[in-house]
PDB file of N, CA and C in Angstrom:
ATOM      1  N   MET A   1     166.667  73.057  21.614  1.00  0.00           N
ATOM      2  CA  MET A   1     166.634  71.793  22.301  1.00  0.00           C
ATOM      3  C   MET A   1     167.938  71.064  22.006  1.00  0.00           C
ATOM      4  N   GLN A   2     168.469  70.377  22.988  1.00  0.00           N
ATOM      5  CA  GLN A   2     169.708  69.631  22.801  1.00  0.00           C
ATOM      6  C   GLN A   2     169.502  68.195  23.246  1.00  0.00           C
ATOM      7  N   CYS A   3     170.047  67.266  22.483  1.00  0.00           N
ATOM      8  CA  CYS A   3     169.966  65.841  22.783  1.00  0.00           C
ATOM      9  C   CYS A   3     171.361  65.269  22.574  1.00  0.00           C
ATOM     10  N   GLY A   4     172.103  65.053  23.671  1.00  0.00           N
ATOM     11  CA  GLY A   4     173.489  64.614  23.542  1.00  0.00           C
ATOM     12  C   GLY A   4     174.310  65.703  22.875  1.00  0.00           C
ATOM     13  N   ASN A   5     175.022  65.351  21.832  1.00  0.00           N
ATOM     14  CA  ASN A   5     175.833  66.325  21.097  1.00  0.00           C
ATOM     15  C   ASN A   5     175.053  67.040  19.996  1.00  0.00           C
ATOM     16  N   ALA A   6     173.820  66.582  19.747  1.00  0.00           N
ATOM     17  CA  ALA A   6     173.010  67.178  18.678  1.00  0.00           C
ATOM     18  C   ALA A   6     172.127  68.282  19.235  1.00  0.00           C
ATOM     19  N   LYS A   7     172.038  69.378  18.481  1.00  0.00           N
ATOM     20  CA  LYS A   7     171.158  70.477  18.855  1.00  0.00           C
ATOM     21  C   LYS A   7     170.080  70.621  17.797  1.00  0.00           C
ATOM     22  N   PHE A   8     168.871  70.865  18.243  1.00  0.00           N
ATOM     23  CA  PHE A   8     167.730  71.027  17.355  1.00  0.00           C
ATOM     24  C   PHE A   8     167.087  72.375  17.640  1.00  0.00           C
ATOM     25  N   SER A   9     166.789  73.113  16.587  1.00  0.00           N
ATOM     26  CA  SER A   9     166.083  74.373  16.784  1.00  0.00           C
ATOM     27  C   SER A   9     164.861  74.393  15.882  1.00  0.00           C
ATOM     28  N   ILE A  10     163.843  75.071  16.343  1.00  0.00           N
ATOM     29  CA  ILE A  10     162.627  75.211  15.564  1.00  0.00           C
ATOM     30  C   ILE A  10     162.775  76.464  14.708  1.00  0.00           C
ATOM     31  N   GLN A  11     162.516  76.312  13.414  1.00  0.00           N
ATOM     32  CA  GLN A  11     162.724  77.410  12.476  1.00  0.00           C
ATOM     33  C   GLN A  11     161.631  77.379  11.425  1.00  0.00           C
ATOM     34  N   ASP A  12     161.064  78.511  11.103  1.00  0.00           N
ATOM     35  CA  ASP A  12     160.125  78.619   9.998  1.00  0.00           C
ATOM     36  C   ASP A  12     160.954  78.628   8.713  1.00  0.00           C
ATOM     37  N   VAL A  13     160.868  77.575   7.938  1.00  0.00           N
ATOM     38  CA  VAL A  13     161.712  77.448   6.743  1.00  0.00           C
ATOM     39  C   VAL A  13     161.440  78.525   5.710  1.00  0.00           C
ATOM     40  N   ARG A  14     160.306  79.199   5.815  1.00  0.00           N
ATOM     41  CA  ARG A  14     159.998  80.293   4.890  1.00  0.00           C
ATOM     42  C   ARG A  14     160.795  81.542   5.212  1.00  0.00           C
ATOM     43  N   LYS A  15     161.509  81.526   6.346  1.00  0.00           N
ATOM     44  CA  LYS A  15     162.262  82.702   6.784  1.00  0.00           C
ATOM     45  C   LYS A  15     163.749  82.408   6.950  1.00  0.00           C
ATOM     46  N   LEU A  16     164.233  81.385   6.285  1.00  0.00           N
ATOM     47  CA  LEU A  16     165.651  81.035   6.394  1.00  0.00           C
ATOM     48  C   LEU A  16     166.579  82.134   5.894  1.00  0.00           C
ATOM     49  N   GLU A  17     166.108  82.961   4.957  1.00  0.00           N
ATOM     50  CA  GLU A  17     166.988  84.018   4.427  1.00  0.00           C
ATOM     51  C   GLU A  17     167.397  85.011   5.501  1.00  0.00           C
ATOM     52  N   PHE A  18     166.668  85.067   6.601  1.00  0.00           N
ATOM     53  CA  PHE A  18     167.010  85.983   7.697  1.00  0.00           C
ATOM     54  C   PHE A  18     168.030  85.387   8.663  1.00  0.00           C
ATOM     55  N   ARG A  19     168.408  84.137   8.450  1.00  0.00           N
ATOM     56  CA  ARG A  19     169.334  83.454   9.351  1.00  0.00           C
ATOM     57  C   ARG A  19     170.718  83.316   8.708  1.00  0.00           C
ATOM     58  N   GLU A  20     171.431  84.422   8.627  1.00  0.00           N
ATOM     59  CA  GLU A  20     172.792  84.408   8.067  1.00  0.00           C
ATOM     60  C   GLU A  20     173.708  83.488   8.867  1.00  0.00           C
ATOM     61  N   ASP A  21     173.406  83.305  10.159  1.00  0.00           N
ATOM     62  CA  ASP A  21     174.218  82.440  11.005  1.00  0.00           C
ATOM     63  C   ASP A  21     174.136  80.973  10.585  1.00  0.00           C
ATOM     64  N   LEU A  22     173.175  80.617   9.750  1.00  0.00           N
ATOM     65  CA  LEU A  22     173.033  79.235   9.305  1.00  0.00           C
ATOM     66  C   LEU A  22     173.728  78.962   7.970  1.00  0.00           C
ATOM     67  N   LYS A  23     174.220  80.003   7.317  1.00  0.00           N
ATOM     68  CA  LYS A  23     174.867  79.842   6.012  1.00  0.00           C
ATOM     69  C   LYS A  23     176.098  78.941   6.118  1.00  0.00           C
ATOM     70  N   ASP A  24     176.167  77.950   5.239  1.00  0.00           N
ATOM     71  CA  ASP A  24     177.309  77.014   5.166  1.00  0.00           C
ATOM     72  C   ASP A  24     177.569  76.301   6.494  1.00  0.00           C
ATOM     73  N   GLN A  25     176.520  75.939   7.202  1.00  0.00           N
ATOM     74  CA  GLN A  25     176.694  75.355   8.528  1.00  0.00           C
ATOM     75  C   GLN A  25     176.442  73.858   8.621  1.00  0.00           C
ATOM     76  N   PHE A  26     175.780  73.271   7.635  1.00  0.00           N
ATOM     77  CA  PHE A  26     175.319  71.896   7.798  1.00  0.00           C
ATOM     78  C   PHE A  26     175.878  70.968   6.726  1.00  0.00           C
ATOM     79  N   ASP A  27     176.254  69.778   7.168  1.00  0.00           N
ATOM     80  CA  ASP A  27     176.677  68.731   6.243  1.00  0.00           C
ATOM     81  C   ASP A  27     175.457  68.086   5.582  1.00  0.00           C
ATOM     82  N   VAL A  28     174.365  68.003   6.331  1.00  0.00           N
ATOM     83  CA  VAL A  28     173.142  67.358   5.853  1.00  0.00           C
ATOM     84  C   VAL A  28     171.938  68.185   6.288  1.00  0.00           C
ATOM     85  N   ALA A  29     170.995  68.353   5.380  1.00  0.00           N
ATOM     86  CA  ALA A  29     169.697  68.947   5.703  1.00  0.00           C
ATOM     87  C   ALA A  29     168.633  67.925   5.328  1.00  0.00           C
ATOM     88  N   ILE A  30     167.627  67.821   6.164  1.00  0.00           N
ATOM     89  CA  ILE A  30     166.529  66.886   5.925  1.00  0.00           C
ATOM     90  C   ILE A  30     165.242  67.693   5.831  1.00  0.00           C
ATOM     91  N   CYS A  31     164.541  67.527   4.726  1.00  0.00           N
ATOM     92  CA  CYS A  31     163.283  68.240   4.504  1.00  0.00           C
ATOM     93  C   CYS A  31     162.248  67.196   4.087  1.00  0.00           C
ATOM     94  N   CYS A  32     161.475  66.713   5.058  1.00  0.00           N
ATOM     95  CA  CYS A  32     160.539  65.620   4.821  1.00  0.00           C
ATOM     96  C   CYS A  32     159.098  66.103   4.782  1.00  0.00           C
ATOM     97  N   GLU A  33     158.473  65.922   3.621  1.00  0.00           N
ATOM     98  CA  GLU A  33     157.047  66.203   3.449  1.00  0.00           C
ATOM     99  C   GLU A  33     156.691  67.640   3.816  1.00  0.00           C
ATOM    100  N   VAL A  34     157.534  68.589   3.381  1.00  0.00           N
ATOM    101  CA  VAL A  34     157.312  70.013   3.651  1.00  0.00           C
ATOM    102  C   VAL A  34     157.106  70.799   2.358  1.00  0.00           C
ATOM    103  N   ILE A  35     157.903  70.530   1.357  1.00  0.00           N
ATOM    104  CA  ILE A  35     157.948  71.366   0.161  1.00  0.00           C
ATOM    105  C   ILE A  35     156.584  71.518  -0.519  1.00  0.00           C
ATOM    106  N   GLU A  36     155.752  70.490  -0.453  1.00  0.00           N
ATOM    107  CA  GLU A  36     154.438  70.565  -1.088  1.00  0.00           C
ATOM    108  C   GLU A  36     153.458  71.472  -0.334  1.00  0.00           C
ATOM    109  N   HIS A  37     153.882  71.972   0.826  1.00  0.00           N
ATOM    110  CA  HIS A  37     153.066  72.895   1.621  1.00  0.00           C
ATOM    111  C   HIS A  37     153.515  74.352   1.457  1.00  0.00           C
ATOM    112  N   ILE A  38     154.618  74.583   0.719  1.00  0.00           N
ATOM    113  CA  ILE A  38     155.221  75.909   0.595  1.00  0.00           C
ATOM    114  C   ILE A  38     154.983  76.446  -0.819  1.00  0.00           C
ATOM    115  N   LEU A  39     154.424  77.641  -0.914  1.00  0.00           N
ATOM    116  CA  LEU A  39     154.135  78.225  -2.230  1.00  0.00           C
ATOM    117  C   LEU A  39     155.403  78.456  -3.042  1.00  0.00           C
ATOM    118  N   ASP A  40     156.410  79.074  -2.452  1.00  0.00           N
ATOM    119  CA  ASP A  40     157.647  79.389  -3.182  1.00  0.00           C
ATOM    120  C   ASP A  40     158.664  78.275  -2.956  1.00  0.00           C
ATOM    121  N   ASP A  41     158.421  77.160  -3.623  1.00  0.00           N
ATOM    122  CA  ASP A  41     159.275  75.981  -3.453  1.00  0.00           C
ATOM    123  C   ASP A  41     160.703  76.220  -3.927  1.00  0.00           C
ATOM    124  N   PHE A  42     160.880  77.036  -4.963  1.00  0.00           N
ATOM    125  CA  PHE A  42     162.231  77.335  -5.451  1.00  0.00           C
ATOM    126  C   PHE A  42     163.020  78.088  -4.374  1.00  0.00           C
ATOM    127  N   LYS A  43     162.386  79.047  -3.719  1.00  0.00           N
ATOM    128  CA  LYS A  43     163.041  79.802  -2.650  1.00  0.00           C
ATOM    129  C   LYS A  43     163.381  78.889  -1.481  1.00  0.00           C
ATOM    130  N   LEU A  44     162.471  77.989  -1.124  1.00  0.00           N
ATOM    131  CA  LEU A  44     162.729  77.062  -0.024  1.00  0.00           C
ATOM    132  C   LEU A  44     163.999  76.260  -0.274  1.00  0.00           C
ATOM    133  N   ILE A  45     164.110  75.657  -1.441  1.00  0.00           N
ATOM    134  CA  ILE A  45     165.278  74.813  -1.736  1.00  0.00           C
ATOM    135  C   ILE A  45     166.534  75.666  -1.854  1.00  0.00           C
ATOM    136  N   GLU A  46     166.416  76.856  -2.416  1.00  0.00           N
ATOM    137  CA  GLU A  46     167.565  77.769  -2.483  1.00  0.00           C
ATOM    138  C   GLU A  46     168.049  78.127  -1.077  1.00  0.00           C
ATOM    139  N   ASP A  47     167.122  78.440  -0.189  1.00  0.00           N
ATOM    140  CA  ASP A  47     167.494  78.799   1.183  1.00  0.00           C
ATOM    141  C   ASP A  47     168.119  77.620   1.925  1.00  0.00           C
ATOM    142  N   ILE A  48     167.565  76.435   1.744  1.00  0.00           N
ATOM    143  CA  ILE A  48     168.145  75.250   2.384  1.00  0.00           C
ATOM    144  C   ILE A  48     169.537  74.996   1.829  1.00  0.00           C
ATOM    145  N   SER A  49     169.713  75.126   0.524  1.00  0.00           N
ATOM    146  CA  SER A  49     171.028  74.859  -0.068  1.00  0.00           C
ATOM    147  C   SER A  49     172.071  75.855   0.430  1.00  0.00           C
ATOM    148  N   ARG A  50     171.670  77.076   0.740  1.00  0.00           N
ATOM    149  CA  ARG A  50     172.602  78.061   1.302  1.00  0.00           C
ATOM    150  C   ARG A  50     173.068  77.668   2.699  1.00  0.00           C
ATOM    151  N   CYS A  51     172.257  76.891   3.393  1.00  0.00           N
ATOM    152  CA  CYS A  51     172.623  76.449   4.743  1.00  0.00           C
ATOM    153  C   CYS A  51     173.600  75.280   4.721  1.00  0.00           C
ATOM    154  N   LEU A  52     173.726  74.629   3.573  1.00  0.00           N
ATOM    155  CA  LEU A  52     174.622  73.476   3.456  1.00  0.00           C
ATOM    156  C   LEU A  52     176.067  73.911   3.244  1.00  0.00           C
ATOM    157  N   LYS A  53     176.981  73.173   3.856  1.00  0.00           N
ATOM    158  CA  LYS A  53     178.404  73.369   3.583  1.00  0.00           C
ATOM    159  C   LYS A  53     178.669  72.923   2.147  1.00  0.00           C
ATOM    160  N   PRO A  54     179.758  73.372   1.537  1.00  0.00           N
ATOM    161  CA  PRO A  54     180.107  72.855   0.213  1.00  0.00           C
ATOM    162  C   PRO A  54     180.176  71.326   0.260  1.00  0.00           C
ATOM    163  N   GLY A  55     179.511  70.682  -0.674  1.00  0.00           N
ATOM    164  CA  GLY A  55     179.463  69.221  -0.692  1.00  0.00           C
ATOM    165  C   GLY A  55     178.397  68.643   0.226  1.00  0.00           C
ATOM    166  N   GLY A  56     177.629  69.520   0.894  1.00  0.00           N
ATOM    167  CA  GLY A  56     176.580  69.053   1.793  1.00  0.00           C
ATOM    168  C   GLY A  56     175.453  68.365   1.021  1.00  0.00           C
ATOM    169  N   ARG A  57     174.647  67.637   1.755  1.00  0.00           N
ATOM    170  CA  ARG A  57     173.579  66.851   1.129  1.00  0.00           C
ATOM    171  C   ARG A  57     172.217  67.223   1.675  1.00  0.00           C
ATOM    172  N   LEU A  58     171.235  67.159   0.801  1.00  0.00           N
ATOM    173  CA  LEU A  58     169.845  67.391   1.164  1.00  0.00           C
ATOM    174  C   LEU A  58     169.074  66.102   0.937  1.00  0.00           C
ATOM    175  N   LEU A  59     168.392  65.639   1.967  1.00  0.00           N
ATOM    176  CA  LEU A  59     167.448  64.535   1.831  1.00  0.00           C
ATOM    177  C   LEU A  59     166.071  65.181   1.782  1.00  0.00           C
ATOM    178  N   LEU A  60     165.415  65.064   0.658  1.00  0.00           N
ATOM    179  CA  LEU A  60     164.135  65.722   0.418  1.00  0.00           C
ATOM    180  C   LEU A  60     163.088  64.661   0.112  1.00  0.00           C
ATOM    181  N   THR A  61     161.973  64.684   0.849  1.00  0.00           N
ATOM    182  CA  THR A  61     160.874  63.774   0.530  1.00  0.00           C
ATOM    183  C   THR A  61     159.619  64.597   0.264  1.00  0.00           C
ATOM    184  N   THR A  62     158.804  64.089  -0.638  1.00  0.00           N
ATOM    185  CA  THR A  62     157.571  64.757  -1.038  1.00  0.00           C
ATOM    186  C   THR A  62     156.672  63.729  -1.713  1.00  0.00           C
ATOM    187  N   PRO A  63     155.372  63.963  -1.727  1.00  0.00           N
ATOM    188  CA  PRO A  63     154.508  63.041  -2.476  1.00  0.00           C
ATOM    189  C   PRO A  63     154.856  63.046  -3.967  1.00  0.00           C
ATOM    190  N   ASN A  64     154.686  61.901  -4.581  1.00  0.00           N
ATOM    191  CA  ASN A  64     154.861  61.771  -6.018  1.00  0.00           C
ATOM    192  C   ASN A  64     153.647  62.395  -6.702  1.00  0.00           C
ATOM    193  N   TYR A  65     153.885  63.179  -7.715  1.00  0.00           N
ATOM    194  CA  TYR A  65     152.807  63.860  -8.440  1.00  0.00           C
ATOM    195  C   TYR A  65     151.796  62.860  -9.004  1.00  0.00           C
ATOM    196  N   PHE A  66     152.264  61.692  -9.372  1.00  0.00           N
ATOM    197  CA  PHE A  66     151.415  60.715 -10.050  1.00  0.00           C
ATOM    198  C   PHE A  66     150.821  59.667  -9.112  1.00  0.00           C
ATOM    199  N   TYR A  67     150.816  59.921  -7.798  1.00  0.00           N
ATOM    200  CA  TYR A  67     150.259  58.934  -6.872  1.00  0.00           C
ATOM    201  C   TYR A  67     148.762  58.744  -7.127  1.00  0.00           C
ATOM    202  N   ASN A  68     148.271  57.578  -6.738  1.00  0.00           N
ATOM    203  CA  ASN A  68     146.837  57.306  -6.831  1.00  0.00           C
ATOM    204  C   ASN A  68     146.163  57.893  -5.601  1.00  0.00           C
ATOM    205  N   ALA A  69     145.320  58.862  -5.808  1.00  0.00           N
ATOM    206  CA  ALA A  69     144.625  59.507  -4.693  1.00  0.00           C
ATOM    207  C   ALA A  69     143.735  58.492  -3.985  1.00  0.00           C
ATOM    208  N   ILE A  70     143.748  58.528  -2.644  1.00  0.00           N
ATOM    209  CA  ILE A  70     142.911  57.598  -1.895  1.00  0.00           C
ATOM    210  C   ILE A  70     141.700  58.296  -1.282  1.00  0.00           C
ATOM    211  N   SER A  71     141.603  59.601  -1.471  1.00  0.00           N
ATOM    212  CA  SER A  71     140.418  60.340  -1.030  1.00  0.00           C
ATOM    213  C   SER A  71     140.176  61.477  -2.022  1.00  0.00           C
ATOM    214  N   GLU A  72     138.997  62.037  -1.978  1.00  0.00           N
ATOM    215  CA  GLU A  72     138.670  63.154  -2.870  1.00  0.00           C
ATOM    216  C   GLU A  72     139.558  64.366  -2.594  1.00  0.00           C
ATOM    217  N   ASP A  73     139.890  64.613  -1.321  1.00  0.00           N
ATOM    218  CA  ASP A  73     140.759  65.746  -0.967  1.00  0.00           C
ATOM    219  C   ASP A  73     142.142  65.622  -1.587  1.00  0.00           C
ATOM    220  N   ASP A  74     142.600  64.384  -1.787  1.00  0.00           N
ATOM    221  CA  ASP A  74     143.922  64.148  -2.374  1.00  0.00           C
ATOM    222  C   ASP A  74     143.977  64.528  -3.853  1.00  0.00           C
ATOM    223  N   LYS A  75     142.827  64.716  -4.465  1.00  0.00           N
ATOM    224  CA  LYS A  75     142.768  65.037  -5.894  1.00  0.00           C
ATOM    225  C   LYS A  75     142.833  66.545  -6.155  1.00  0.00           C
ATOM    226  N   GLY A  76     142.661  67.361  -5.121  1.00  0.00           N
ATOM    227  CA  GLY A  76     142.640  68.804  -5.281  1.00  0.00           C
ATOM    228  C   GLY A  76     141.217  69.283  -5.415  1.00  0.00           C
ATOM    229  N   PRO A  77     140.981  70.536  -5.606  1.00  0.00           N
ATOM    230  CA  PRO A  77     141.997  71.566  -5.823  1.00  0.00           C
ATOM    231  C   PRO A  77     142.801  71.824  -4.553  1.00  0.00           C
ATOM    232  N   PHE A  78     143.993  72.367  -4.741  1.00  0.00           N
ATOM    233  CA  PHE A  78     144.902  72.615  -3.639  1.00  0.00           C
ATOM    234  C   PHE A  78     144.892  74.094  -3.273  1.00  0.00           C
ATOM    235  N   CYS A  79     145.292  74.388  -2.057  1.00  0.00           N
ATOM    236  CA  CYS A  79     145.268  75.757  -1.532  1.00  0.00           C
ATOM    237  C   CYS A  79     146.180  76.673  -2.342  1.00  0.00           C
ATOM    238  N   ASN A  80     145.800  77.940  -2.446  1.00  0.00           N
ATOM    239  CA  ASN A  80     146.686  78.923  -3.071  1.00  0.00           C
ATOM    240  C   ASN A  80     147.238  79.871  -2.017  1.00  0.00           C
ATOM    241  N   GLU A  81     147.158  79.445  -0.749  1.00  0.00           N
ATOM    242  CA  GLU A  81     147.800  80.153   0.353  1.00  0.00           C
ATOM    243  C   GLU A  81     148.318  79.111   1.335  1.00  0.00           C
ATOM    244  N   GLU A  82     149.305  79.477   2.114  1.00  0.00           N
ATOM    245  CA  GLU A  82     149.932  78.544   3.050  1.00  0.00           C
ATOM    246  C   GLU A  82     149.120  78.479   4.340  1.00  0.00           C
ATOM    247  N   THR A  83     148.294  77.449   4.435  1.00  0.00           N
ATOM    248  CA  THR A  83     147.450  77.235   5.608  1.00  0.00           C
ATOM    249  C   THR A  83     147.865  75.994   6.379  1.00  0.00           C
ATOM    250  N   GLY A  84     148.849  75.276   5.863  1.00  0.00           N
ATOM    251  CA  GLY A  84     149.240  73.998   6.436  1.00  0.00           C
ATOM    252  C   GLY A  84     148.829  72.829   5.554  1.00  0.00           C
ATOM    253  N   TRP A  85     147.883  73.071   4.642  1.00  0.00           N
ATOM    254  CA  TRP A  85     147.472  72.041   3.699  1.00  0.00           C
ATOM    255  C   TRP A  85     148.376  72.101   2.464  1.00  0.00           C
ATOM    256  N   HIS A  86     148.246  71.103   1.623  1.00  0.00           N
ATOM    257  CA  HIS A  86     149.054  71.066   0.400  1.00  0.00           C
ATOM    258  C   HIS A  86     148.713  72.247  -0.499  1.00  0.00           C
ATOM    259  N   VAL A  87     149.760  72.835  -1.088  1.00  0.00           N
ATOM    260  CA  VAL A  87     149.567  73.869  -2.110  1.00  0.00           C
ATOM    261  C   VAL A  87     149.797  73.285  -3.504  1.00  0.00           C
ATOM    262  N   ARG A  88     150.283  72.059  -3.552  1.00  0.00           N
ATOM    263  CA  ARG A  88     150.423  71.338  -4.825  1.00  0.00           C
ATOM    264  C   ARG A  88     150.325  69.851  -4.545  1.00  0.00           C
ATOM    265  N   ARG A  89     150.005  69.111  -5.571  1.00  0.00           N
ATOM    266  CA  ARG A  89     149.780  67.662  -5.457  1.00  0.00           C
ATOM    267  C   ARG A  89     151.027  66.926  -5.011  1.00  0.00           C
ATOM    268  N   GLY A  90     152.141  67.283  -5.534  1.00  0.00           N
ATOM    269  CA  GLY A  90     153.412  66.609  -5.276  1.00  0.00           C
ATOM    270  C   GLY A  90     154.375  66.971  -6.386  1.00  0.00           C
ATOM    271  N   TYR A  91     155.344  66.124  -6.616  1.00  0.00           N
ATOM    272  CA  TYR A  91     156.388  66.412  -7.595  1.00  0.00           C
ATOM    273  C   TYR A  91     156.668  65.199  -8.465  1.00  0.00           C
ATOM    274  N   SER A  92     156.847  65.456  -9.736  1.00  0.00           N
ATOM    275  CA  SER A  92     157.354  64.442 -10.655  1.00  0.00           C
ATOM    276  C   SER A  92     158.880  64.510 -10.609  1.00  0.00           C
ATOM    277  N   LYS A  93     159.522  63.554 -11.225  1.00  0.00           N
ATOM    278  CA  LYS A  93     160.985  63.574 -11.300  1.00  0.00           C
ATOM    279  C   LYS A  93     161.467  64.865 -11.968  1.00  0.00           C
ATOM    280  N   GLY A  94     160.823  65.254 -13.060  1.00  0.00           N
ATOM    281  CA  GLY A  94     161.205  66.471 -13.775  1.00  0.00           C
ATOM    282  C   GLY A  94     161.053  67.714 -12.923  1.00  0.00           C
ATOM    283  N   MET A  95     159.974  67.769 -12.139  1.00  0.00           N
ATOM    284  CA  MET A  95     159.758  68.924 -11.269  1.00  0.00           C
ATOM    285  C   MET A  95     160.840  69.008 -10.199  1.00  0.00           C
ATOM    286  N   LEU A  96     161.212  67.867  -9.621  1.00  0.00           N
ATOM    287  CA  LEU A  96     162.269  67.852  -8.601  1.00  0.00           C
ATOM    288  C   LEU A  96     163.607  68.271  -9.206  1.00  0.00           C
ATOM    289  N   LEU A  97     163.901  67.763 -10.396  1.00  0.00           N
ATOM    290  CA  LEU A  97     165.140  68.160 -11.069  1.00  0.00           C
ATOM    291  C   LEU A  97     165.173  69.662 -11.282  1.00  0.00           C
ATOM    292  N   GLU A  98     164.078  70.231 -11.727  1.00  0.00           N
ATOM    293  CA  GLU A  98     164.015  71.658 -12.007  1.00  0.00           C
ATOM    294  C   GLU A  98     164.240  72.500 -10.747  1.00  0.00           C
ATOM    295  N   VAL A  99     163.534  72.196  -9.685  1.00  0.00           N
ATOM    296  CA  VAL A  99     163.632  73.013  -8.471  1.00  0.00           C
ATOM    297  C   VAL A  99     165.007  72.856  -7.810  1.00  0.00           C
ATOM    298  N   CYS A 100     165.580  71.666  -7.837  1.00  0.00           N
ATOM    299  CA  CYS A 100     166.885  71.449  -7.203  1.00  0.00           C
ATOM    300  C   CYS A 100     168.030  72.022  -8.034  1.00  0.00           C
ATOM    301  N   LYS A 101     167.988  71.833  -9.329  1.00  0.00           N
ATOM    302  CA  LYS A 101     169.051  72.372 -10.188  1.00  0.00           C
ATOM    303  C   LYS A 101     169.062  73.895 -10.176  1.00  0.00           C
ATOM    304  N   ALA A 102     167.897  74.519 -10.037  1.00  0.00           N
ATOM    305  CA  ALA A 102     167.826  75.979  -9.983  1.00  0.00           C
ATOM    306  C   ALA A 102     168.572  76.522  -8.766  1.00  0.00           C
ATOM    307  N   SER A 103     168.724  75.698  -7.749  1.00  0.00           N
ATOM    308  CA  SER A 103     169.440  76.104  -6.537  1.00  0.00           C
ATOM    309  C   SER A 103     170.895  75.650  -6.540  1.00  0.00           C
ATOM    310  N   GLY A 104     171.327  75.068  -7.639  1.00  0.00           N
ATOM    311  CA  GLY A 104     172.716  74.634  -7.742  1.00  0.00           C
ATOM    312  C   GLY A 104     172.994  73.288  -7.121  1.00  0.00           C
ATOM    313  N   LEU A 105     171.954  72.564  -6.738  1.00  0.00           N
ATOM    314  CA  LEU A 105     172.159  71.244  -6.152  1.00  0.00           C
ATOM    315  C   LEU A 105     172.420  70.221  -7.246  1.00  0.00           C
ATOM    316  N   VAL A 106     173.257  69.255  -6.947  1.00  0.00           N
ATOM    317  CA  VAL A 106     173.537  68.151  -7.849  1.00  0.00           C
ATOM    318  C   VAL A 106     172.677  66.975  -7.401  1.00  0.00           C
ATOM    319  N   ILE A 107     171.869  66.457  -8.297  1.00  0.00           N
ATOM    320  CA  ILE A 107     170.971  65.360  -7.963  1.00  0.00           C
ATOM    321  C   ILE A 107     171.746  64.053  -8.031  1.00  0.00           C
ATOM    322  N   GLU A 108     171.784  63.335  -6.926  1.00  0.00           N
ATOM    323  CA  GLU A 108     172.437  62.029  -6.915  1.00  0.00           C
ATOM    324  C   GLU A 108     171.451  60.914  -7.220  1.00  0.00           C
ATOM    325  N   GLU A 109     170.245  61.056  -6.675  1.00  0.00           N
ATOM    326  CA  GLU A 109     169.274  59.980  -6.852  1.00  0.00           C
ATOM    327  C   GLU A 109     167.868  60.512  -6.589  1.00  0.00           C
ATOM    328  N   ILE A 110     166.932  60.016  -7.369  1.00  0.00           N
ATOM    329  CA  ILE A 110     165.517  60.233  -7.110  1.00  0.00           C
ATOM    330  C   ILE A 110     164.884  58.853  -7.094  1.00  0.00           C
ATOM    331  N   SER A 111     164.230  58.529  -5.989  1.00  0.00           N
ATOM    332  CA  SER A 111     163.572  57.225  -5.897  1.00  0.00           C
ATOM    333  C   SER A 111     162.183  57.414  -5.312  1.00  0.00           C
ATOM    334  N   TYR A 112     161.391  56.370  -5.377  1.00  0.00           N
ATOM    335  CA  TYR A 112     160.014  56.443  -4.927  1.00  0.00           C
ATOM    336  C   TYR A 112     159.717  55.324  -3.948  1.00  0.00           C
ATOM    337  N   CYS A 113     158.928  55.641  -2.955  1.00  0.00           N
ATOM    338  CA  CYS A 113     158.474  54.666  -1.973  1.00  0.00           C
ATOM    339  C   CYS A 113     157.074  55.086  -1.572  1.00  0.00           C
ATOM    340  N   SER A 114     156.117  54.215  -1.782  1.00  0.00           N
ATOM    341  CA  SER A 114     154.753  54.587  -1.440  1.00  0.00           C
ATOM    342  C   SER A 114     153.948  53.327  -1.167  1.00  0.00           C
ATOM    343  N   PHE A 115     153.011  53.474  -0.273  1.00  0.00           N
ATOM    344  CA  PHE A 115     152.049  52.433  -0.006  1.00  0.00           C
ATOM    345  C   PHE A 115     150.898  53.084   0.740  1.00  0.00           C
ATOM    346  N   PHE A 116     149.841  52.337   0.971  1.00  0.00           N
ATOM    347  CA  PHE A 116     148.603  52.881   1.523  1.00  0.00           C
ATOM    348  C   PHE A 116     148.819  53.680   2.793  1.00  0.00           C
ATOM    349  N   PHE A 117     149.617  53.205   3.735  1.00  0.00           N
ATOM    350  CA  PHE A 117     149.765  53.869   5.035  1.00  0.00           C
ATOM    351  C   PHE A 117     150.539  55.186   4.947  1.00  0.00           C
ATOM    352  N   VAL A 118     151.315  55.397   3.893  1.00  0.00           N
ATOM    353  CA  VAL A 118     152.023  56.670   3.724  1.00  0.00           C
ATOM    354  C   VAL A 118     151.017  57.801   3.604  1.00  0.00           C
ATOM    355  N   LYS A 119     149.914  57.580   2.937  1.00  0.00           N
ATOM    356  CA  LYS A 119     148.899  58.608   2.735  1.00  0.00           C
ATOM    357  C   LYS A 119     147.918  58.708   3.899  1.00  0.00           C
ATOM    358  N   LYS A 120     147.968  57.812   4.841  1.00  0.00           N
ATOM    359  CA  LYS A 120     147.085  57.871   6.003  1.00  0.00           C
ATOM    360  C   LYS A 120     147.902  58.198   7.221  1.00  0.00           C
TER     361      LYS A 120
END
């Protein structure tokens, strides 16, 4: 799909390793509310980081591990297969540091934003 000068393609992020044409192609990657649905989160971030140009940036959003659950389903247990539902509760600051640093990313900032409507 193309919108003006921007092009958008649909891609299964679990299969980015098969897209050599995407290596070092992007200044910015945006991954919003996806990582908590992927079993191999380290591979996901590694694959996304390979798509970034040197000095490229990743904007990553995910639920905070310590959020106050607003429903029983939000408390778990979580899926152990990728069905579209969460496979983990979310991420703490330490968890995000671990997964991003393992892929060679430099963390500039970790911040939190949450309110009732984010979970609904």
